[in-house]
Amino acid sequence: MERPAPGPRLVDQTGQPLAPALEAVLWSLAPRLKRLFPRLVDDDAVLTNLLEVAGRRIAAKQETVAIEHVPRYAWVVLRHAAIDHMRRSPMRVRQRTVPDGTALLDAQVTSHNDAATIERAVLIEEALDALAADDRALLLGRFLGYSAEDIARSFQTSPQHVNDRYSRLRQRLRHLLDPPTHTKHGRKRKGMP
């Protein structure tokens, strides 16, 4: 597999090049990452760093376990590396170099505009990732406006079962995204503000 875009060789933590097959998979995911995080990866240094971080994580995992679908696994790891990078960057600053070699720093504009919104989006993404594939498909179908009958046909089940599952999934997501701070008796839960 050829790299779709020219770029520097990706290296592991010891400075050795990553396996060519893994490097090709990571470079093939770079355009997708640029579409998802356009402002984050418009700097080639940041993009290369994210690809290397993901490559190191994948290589470490491959040492212990055989990964069945490397491109899918690589996409999840790469996306999480980008999210980690956004979380670690409190000032969200981008460095650019102008033609005379002077480095410029400017504020990194995010598509979400504030840290709280980014954190909420990350929590939603992680909560959806925690669901089984069928549950995600059911939620997406309802979100896109498909009727319970349409979804029931695709799952080969009854519309009532789809509605029941949808209701339970909504409650589960609500709990994952906004855990209750009080017990049913009105007492404050331990560790809650």
C-alpha atoms as a PDB file:
ATOM      1  CA  MET A   1       0.000   0.000   0.000  1.00  0.00           C
ATOM      2  CA  GLU A   2       1.445   3.370  -1.039  1.00  0.00           C
ATOM      3  CA  ARG A   3       1.249   6.503   1.035  1.00  0.00           C
ATOM      4  CA  PRO A   4      -1.451   8.724  -0.481  1.00  0.00           C
ATOM      5  CA  ALA A   5       0.350  11.934   0.475  1.00  0.00           C
ATOM      6  CA  PRO A   6       4.081  12.543   0.711  1.00  0.00           C
ATOM      7  CA  GLY A   7       5.271  13.095   4.211  1.00  0.00           C
ATOM      8  CA  PRO A   8       8.165  12.443   6.501  1.00  0.00           C
ATOM      9  CA  ARG A   9       8.910   8.928   7.674  1.00  0.00           C
ATOM     10  CA  LEU A  10       7.111   8.118  10.900  1.00  0.00           C
ATOM     11  CA  VAL A  11       9.301   6.900  13.743  1.00  0.00           C
ATOM     12  CA  ASP A  12       8.742   5.121  17.032  1.00  0.00           C
ATOM     13  CA  GLN A  13       9.908   6.319  20.454  1.00  0.00           C
ATOM     14  CA  THR A  14      13.450   5.022  19.799  1.00  0.00           C
ATOM     15  CA  GLY A  15      13.745   6.908  16.503  1.00  0.00           C
ATOM     16  CA  GLN A  16      13.386   3.797  14.338  1.00  0.00           C
ATOM     17  CA  PRO A  17      10.966   3.929  11.380  1.00  0.00           C
ATOM     18  CA  LEU A  18       7.549   2.357  11.876  1.00  0.00           C
ATOM     19  CA  ALA A  19       6.695  -0.743   9.881  1.00  0.00           C
ATOM     20  CA  PRO A  20       5.979   0.307   6.264  1.00  0.00           C
ATOM     21  CA  ALA A  21       2.516  -1.321   6.261  1.00  0.00           C
ATOM     22  CA  LEU A  22       1.500   0.510   9.447  1.00  0.00           C
ATOM     23  CA  GLU A  23       2.936   3.764   8.144  1.00  0.00           C
ATOM     24  CA  ALA A  24       0.953   3.383   4.900  1.00  0.00           C
ATOM     25  CA  VAL A  25      -2.269   2.795   6.852  1.00  0.00           C
ATOM     26  CA  LEU A  26      -1.659   5.879   8.990  1.00  0.00           C
ATOM     27  CA  TRP A  27      -0.893   8.123   6.004  1.00  0.00           C
ATOM     28  CA  SER A  28      -4.032   6.834   4.265  1.00  0.00           C
ATOM     29  CA  LEU A  29      -6.056   8.062   7.274  1.00  0.00           C
ATOM     30  CA  ALA A  30      -4.486  11.550   7.261  1.00  0.00           C
ATOM     31  CA  PRO A  31      -7.063  13.090   4.842  1.00  0.00           C
ATOM     32  CA  ARG A  32      -9.916  11.738   6.972  1.00  0.00           C
ATOM     33  CA  LEU A  33      -8.310  13.196  10.099  1.00  0.00           C
ATOM     34  CA  LYS A  34      -7.916  16.552   8.334  1.00  0.00           C
ATOM     35  CA  ARG A  35     -11.633  16.552   7.507  1.00  0.00           C
ATOM     36  CA  LEU A  36     -12.606  15.755  11.095  1.00  0.00           C
ATOM     37  CA  PHE A  37     -10.148  18.184  12.763  1.00  0.00           C
ATOM     38  CA  PRO A  38      -9.414  20.780  10.056  1.00  0.00           C
ATOM     39  CA  ARG A  39      -7.908  23.442  12.264  1.00  0.00           C
ATOM     40  CA  LEU A  40      -6.001  21.045  14.469  1.00  0.00           C
ATOM     41  CA  VAL A  41      -4.056  19.296  11.738  1.00  0.00           C
ATOM     42  CA  ASP A  42      -3.459  22.160   9.318  1.00  0.00           C
ATOM     43  CA  ASP A  43       0.091  22.237  10.689  1.00  0.00           C
ATOM     44  CA  ASP A  44       2.194  19.416   9.198  1.00  0.00           C
ATOM     45  CA  ALA A  45       4.215  19.067  12.415  1.00  0.00           C
ATOM     46  CA  VAL A  46       1.047  18.433  14.456  1.00  0.00           C
ATOM     47  CA  LEU A  47      -0.242  15.954  11.864  1.00  0.00           C
ATOM     48  CA  THR A  48       3.057  14.053  11.811  1.00  0.00           C
ATOM     49  CA  ASN A  49       3.164  14.007  15.605  1.00  0.00           C
ATOM     50  CA  LEU A  50      -0.385  12.618  15.810  1.00  0.00           C
ATOM     51  CA  LEU A  51       0.424   9.916  13.237  1.00  0.00           C
ATOM     52  CA  GLU A  52       3.559   8.948  15.172  1.00  0.00           C
ATOM     53  CA  VAL A  53       1.705   8.836  18.505  1.00  0.00           C
ATOM     54  CA  ALA A  54      -0.964   6.612  16.957  1.00  0.00           C
ATOM     55  CA  GLY A  55       1.712   4.459  15.300  1.00  0.00           C
ATOM     56  CA  ARG A  56       3.499   3.923  18.617  1.00  0.00           C
ATOM     57  CA  ARG A  57       0.270   2.926  20.351  1.00  0.00           C
ATOM     58  CA  ILE A  58      -0.667   0.513  17.576  1.00  0.00           C
ATOM     59  CA  ALA A  59       2.840  -1.005  17.435  1.00  0.00           C
ATOM     60  CA  ALA A  60       2.776  -1.550  21.207  1.00  0.00           C
ATOM     61  CA  LYS A  61      -0.625  -3.240  20.929  1.00  0.00           C
ATOM     62  CA  GLN A  62       0.552  -5.439  18.035  1.00  0.00           C
ATOM     63  CA  GLU A  63       3.380  -6.746  20.209  1.00  0.00           C
ATOM     64  CA  THR A  64       0.856  -8.296  22.598  1.00  0.00           C
ATOM     65  CA  VAL A  65      -2.207  -9.004  20.430  1.00  0.00           C
ATOM     66  CA  ALA A  66      -2.853  -9.580  16.744  1.00  0.00           C
ATOM     67  CA  ILE A  67      -5.079  -6.781  15.440  1.00  0.00           C
ATOM     68  CA  GLU A  68      -7.650  -8.162  13.024  1.00  0.00           C
ATOM     69  CA  HIS A  69      -8.674  -4.948  11.217  1.00  0.00           C
ATOM     70  CA  VAL A  70      -5.664  -2.629  11.394  1.00  0.00           C
ATOM     71  CA  PRO A  71      -7.189   0.300   9.411  1.00  0.00           C
ATOM     72  CA  ARG A  72     -10.298   0.421  11.626  1.00  0.00           C
ATOM     73  CA  TYR A  73      -8.260   0.091  14.791  1.00  0.00           C
ATOM     74  CA  ALA A  74      -5.796   2.703  13.523  1.00  0.00           C
ATOM     75  CA  TRP A  75      -8.622   5.167  12.867  1.00  0.00           C
ATOM     76  CA  VAL A  76      -9.944   4.840  16.421  1.00  0.00           C
ATOM     77  CA  VAL A  77      -6.449   5.242  17.890  1.00  0.00           C
ATOM     78  CA  LEU A  78      -5.690   8.210  15.630  1.00  0.00           C
ATOM     79  CA  ARG A  79      -8.948   9.934  16.502  1.00  0.00           C
ATOM     80  CA  HIS A  80      -8.282   9.433  20.213  1.00  0.00           C
ATOM     81  CA  ALA A  81      -4.730  10.781  19.804  1.00  0.00           C
ATOM     82  CA  ALA A  82      -6.178  13.944  18.231  1.00  0.00           C
ATOM     83  CA  ILE A  83      -8.708  14.318  21.054  1.00  0.00           C
ATOM     84  CA  ASP A  84      -5.945  13.790  23.638  1.00  0.00           C
ATOM     85  CA  HIS A  85      -3.876  16.444  21.883  1.00  0.00           C
ATOM     86  CA  MET A  86      -6.775  18.913  22.053  1.00  0.00           C
ATOM     87  CA  ARG A  87      -7.325  18.194  25.738  1.00  0.00           C
ATOM     88  CA  ARG A  88      -3.643  18.655  26.598  1.00  0.00           C
ATOM     89  CA  SER A  89      -3.362  21.972  24.763  1.00  0.00           C
ATOM     90  CA  PRO A  90      -4.795  24.502  27.238  1.00  0.00           C
ATOM     91  CA  MET A  91      -3.944  27.561  25.142  1.00  0.00           C
ATOM     92  CA  ARG A  92      -4.737  25.922  21.793  1.00  0.00           C
ATOM     93  CA  VAL A  93      -1.867  27.671  20.114  1.00  0.00           C
ATOM     94  CA  ARG A  94      -0.613  27.032  16.591  1.00  0.00           C
ATOM     95  CA  GLN A  95       2.915  27.754  15.426  1.00  0.00           C
ATOM     96  CA  ARG A  96       3.583  28.772  11.837  1.00  0.00           C
ATOM     97  CA  THR A  97       6.734  29.854  10.105  1.00  0.00           C
ATOM     98  CA  VAL A  98       6.718  32.775   7.684  1.00  0.00           C
ATOM     99  CA  PRO A  99       9.070  32.867   4.694  1.00  0.00           C
ATOM    100  CA  ASP A 100      11.828  34.771   6.524  1.00  0.00           C
ATOM    101  CA  GLY A 101      12.006  31.969   9.146  1.00  0.00           C
ATOM    102  CA  THR A 102      10.263  33.856  11.962  1.00  0.00           C
ATOM    103  CA  ALA A 103       7.889  31.731  14.008  1.00  0.00           C
ATOM    104  CA  LEU A 104       4.417  33.133  14.547  1.00  0.00           C
ATOM    105  CA  LEU A 105       2.050  32.033  17.278  1.00  0.00           C
ATOM    106  CA  ASP A 106      -1.656  32.651  17.013  1.00  0.00           C
ATOM    107  CA  ALA A 107      -4.711  31.411  18.809  1.00  0.00           C
ATOM    108  CA  GLN A 108      -6.049  28.132  17.459  1.00  0.00           C
ATOM    109  CA  VAL A 109      -9.667  28.632  16.524  1.00  0.00           C
ATOM    110  CA  THR A 110     -11.723  25.524  17.098  1.00  0.00           C
ATOM    111  CA  SER A 111     -14.934  24.681  15.347  1.00  0.00           C
ATOM    112  CA  HIS A 112     -16.598  24.380  18.776  1.00  0.00           C
ATOM    113  CA  ASN A 113     -15.187  27.657  20.163  1.00  0.00           C
ATOM    114  CA  ASP A 114     -14.852  26.706  23.820  1.00  0.00           C
ATOM    115  CA  ALA A 115     -13.363  23.975  25.982  1.00  0.00           C
ATOM    116  CA  ALA A 116     -16.672  23.017  27.616  1.00  0.00           C
ATOM    117  CA  THR A 117     -18.301  22.318  24.253  1.00  0.00           C
ATOM    118  CA  ILE A 118     -15.295  20.290  23.109  1.00  0.00           C
ATOM    119  CA  GLU A 119     -15.369  18.239  26.329  1.00  0.00           C
ATOM    120  CA  ARG A 120     -19.103  17.611  25.895  1.00  0.00           C
ATOM    121  CA  ALA A 121     -18.575  16.452  22.295  1.00  0.00           C
ATOM    122  CA  VAL A 122     -15.787  14.129  23.449  1.00  0.00           C
ATOM    123  CA  LEU A 123     -18.008  12.696  26.205  1.00  0.00           C
ATOM    124  CA  ILE A 124     -20.801  12.044  23.707  1.00  0.00           C
ATOM    125  CA  GLU A 125     -18.353  10.358  21.312  1.00  0.00           C
ATOM    126  CA  GLU A 126     -16.964   8.169  24.101  1.00  0.00           C
ATOM    127  CA  ALA A 127     -20.455   7.258  25.334  1.00  0.00           C
ATOM    128  CA  LEU A 128     -21.492   6.228  21.812  1.00  0.00           C
ATOM    129  CA  ASP A 129     -18.256   4.243  21.392  1.00  0.00           C
ATOM    130  CA  ALA A 130     -19.139   2.336  24.586  1.00  0.00           C
ATOM    131  CA  LEU A 131     -22.370   1.057  23.004  1.00  0.00           C
ATOM    132  CA  ALA A 132     -22.668  -2.112  20.956  1.00  0.00           C
ATOM    133  CA  ALA A 133     -22.808  -1.652  17.176  1.00  0.00           C
ATOM    134  CA  ASP A 134     -26.510  -2.630  17.030  1.00  0.00           C
ATOM    135  CA  ASP A 135     -27.364  -0.105  19.728  1.00  0.00           C
ATOM    136  CA  ARG A 136     -25.484   2.661  17.895  1.00  0.00           C
ATOM    137  CA  ALA A 137     -27.306   1.733  14.666  1.00  0.00           C
ATOM    138  CA  LEU A 138     -30.664   1.871  16.428  1.00  0.00           C
ATOM    139  CA  LEU A 139     -29.902   5.282  17.977  1.00  0.00           C
ATOM    140  CA  LEU A 140     -28.662   6.643  14.668  1.00  0.00           C
ATOM    141  CA  GLY A 141     -31.746   5.370  12.871  1.00  0.00           C
ATOM    142  CA  ARG A 142     -34.076   7.073  15.348  1.00  0.00           C
ATOM    143  CA  PHE A 143     -31.955  10.226  15.284  1.00  0.00           C
ATOM    144  CA  LEU A 144     -32.176  10.332  11.479  1.00  0.00           C
ATOM    145  CA  GLY A 145     -35.964  10.079  11.694  1.00  0.00           C
ATOM    146  CA  TYR A 146     -36.591   6.461  10.722  1.00  0.00           C
ATOM    147  CA  SER A 147     -39.738   4.984  12.217  1.00  0.00           C
ATOM    148  CA  ALA A 148     -39.709   2.127  14.696  1.00  0.00           C
ATOM    149  CA  GLU A 149     -41.283  -0.052  11.975  1.00  0.00           C
ATOM    150  CA  ASP A 150     -38.436   0.673   9.519  1.00  0.00           C
ATOM    151  CA  ILE A 151     -35.798  -0.083  12.119  1.00  0.00           C
ATOM    152  CA  ALA A 152     -37.669  -3.194  13.288  1.00  0.00           C
ATOM    153  CA  ARG A 153     -37.616  -4.545   9.711  1.00  0.00           C
ATOM    154  CA  SER A 154     -33.852  -4.088   9.455  1.00  0.00           C
ATOM    155  CA  PHE A 155     -33.307  -5.760  12.851  1.00  0.00           C
ATOM    156  CA  GLN A 156     -35.970  -8.401  12.166  1.00  0.00           C
ATOM    157  CA  THR A 157     -37.835  -7.649  15.371  1.00  0.00           C
ATOM    158  CA  SER A 158     -41.026  -5.919  16.500  1.00  0.00           C
ATOM    159  CA  PRO A 159     -41.519  -2.127  16.586  1.00  0.00           C
ATOM    160  CA  GLN A 160     -42.344  -2.393  20.304  1.00  0.00           C
ATOM    161  CA  HIS A 161     -38.970  -4.041  20.953  1.00  0.00           C
ATOM    162  CA  VAL A 162     -37.263  -1.205  19.028  1.00  0.00           C
ATOM    163  CA  ASN A 163     -39.108   1.409  21.095  1.00  0.00           C
ATOM    164  CA  ASP A 164     -38.232  -0.362  24.357  1.00  0.00           C
ATOM    165  CA  ARG A 165     -34.566  -0.634  23.410  1.00  0.00           C
ATOM    166  CA  TYR A 166     -34.501   2.986  22.278  1.00  0.00           C
ATOM    167  CA  SER A 167     -35.962   4.127  25.587  1.00  0.00           C
ATOM    168  CA  ARG A 168     -33.417   2.089  27.586  1.00  0.00           C
ATOM    169  CA  LEU A 169     -30.552   3.401  25.421  1.00  0.00           C
ATOM    170  CA  ARG A 170     -31.637   7.001  25.944  1.00  0.00           C
ATOM    171  CA  GLN A 171     -31.719   6.443  29.709  1.00  0.00           C
ATOM    172  CA  ARG A 172     -28.295   4.794  29.605  1.00  0.00           C
ATOM    173  CA  LEU A 173     -26.787   7.642  27.577  1.00  0.00           C
ATOM    174  CA  ARG A 174     -28.404  10.217  29.834  1.00  0.00           C
ATOM    175  CA  HIS A 175     -26.831   8.493  32.839  1.00  0.00           C
ATOM    176  CA  LEU A 176     -23.415   8.254  31.131  1.00  0.00           C
ATOM    177  CA  LEU A 177     -23.444  11.905  30.099  1.00  0.00           C
ATOM    178  CA  ASP A 178     -25.048  13.386  33.197  1.00  0.00           C
ATOM    179  CA  PRO A 179     -24.704  11.050  36.207  1.00  0.00           C
ATOM    180  CA  PRO A 180     -27.166  11.801  39.008  1.00  0.00           C
ATOM    181  CA  THR A 181     -25.755  13.810  41.887  1.00  0.00           C
ATOM    182  CA  HIS A 182     -28.394  12.705  44.411  1.00  0.00           C
ATOM    183  CA  THR A 183     -29.895   9.412  45.485  1.00  0.00           C
ATOM    184  CA  LYS A 184     -33.591   8.733  45.047  1.00  0.00           C
ATOM    185  CA  HIS A 185     -34.052   9.764  48.695  1.00  0.00           C
ATOM    186  CA  GLY A 186     -32.608  13.243  48.087  1.00  0.00           C
ATOM    187  CA  ARG A 187     -29.211  12.593  49.710  1.00  0.00           C
ATOM    188  CA  LYS A 188     -26.097  13.787  47.970  1.00  0.00           C
ATOM    189  CA  ARG A 189     -23.989  11.024  46.376  1.00  0.00           C
ATOM    190  CA  LYS A 190     -20.434  10.642  47.630  1.00  0.00           C
ATOM    191  CA  GLY A 191     -17.900  12.484  45.524  1.00  0.00           C
ATOM    192  CA  MET A 192     -20.502  14.663  43.799  1.00  0.00           C
ATOM    193  CA  PRO A 193     -20.392  18.476  44.070  1.00  0.00           C
END
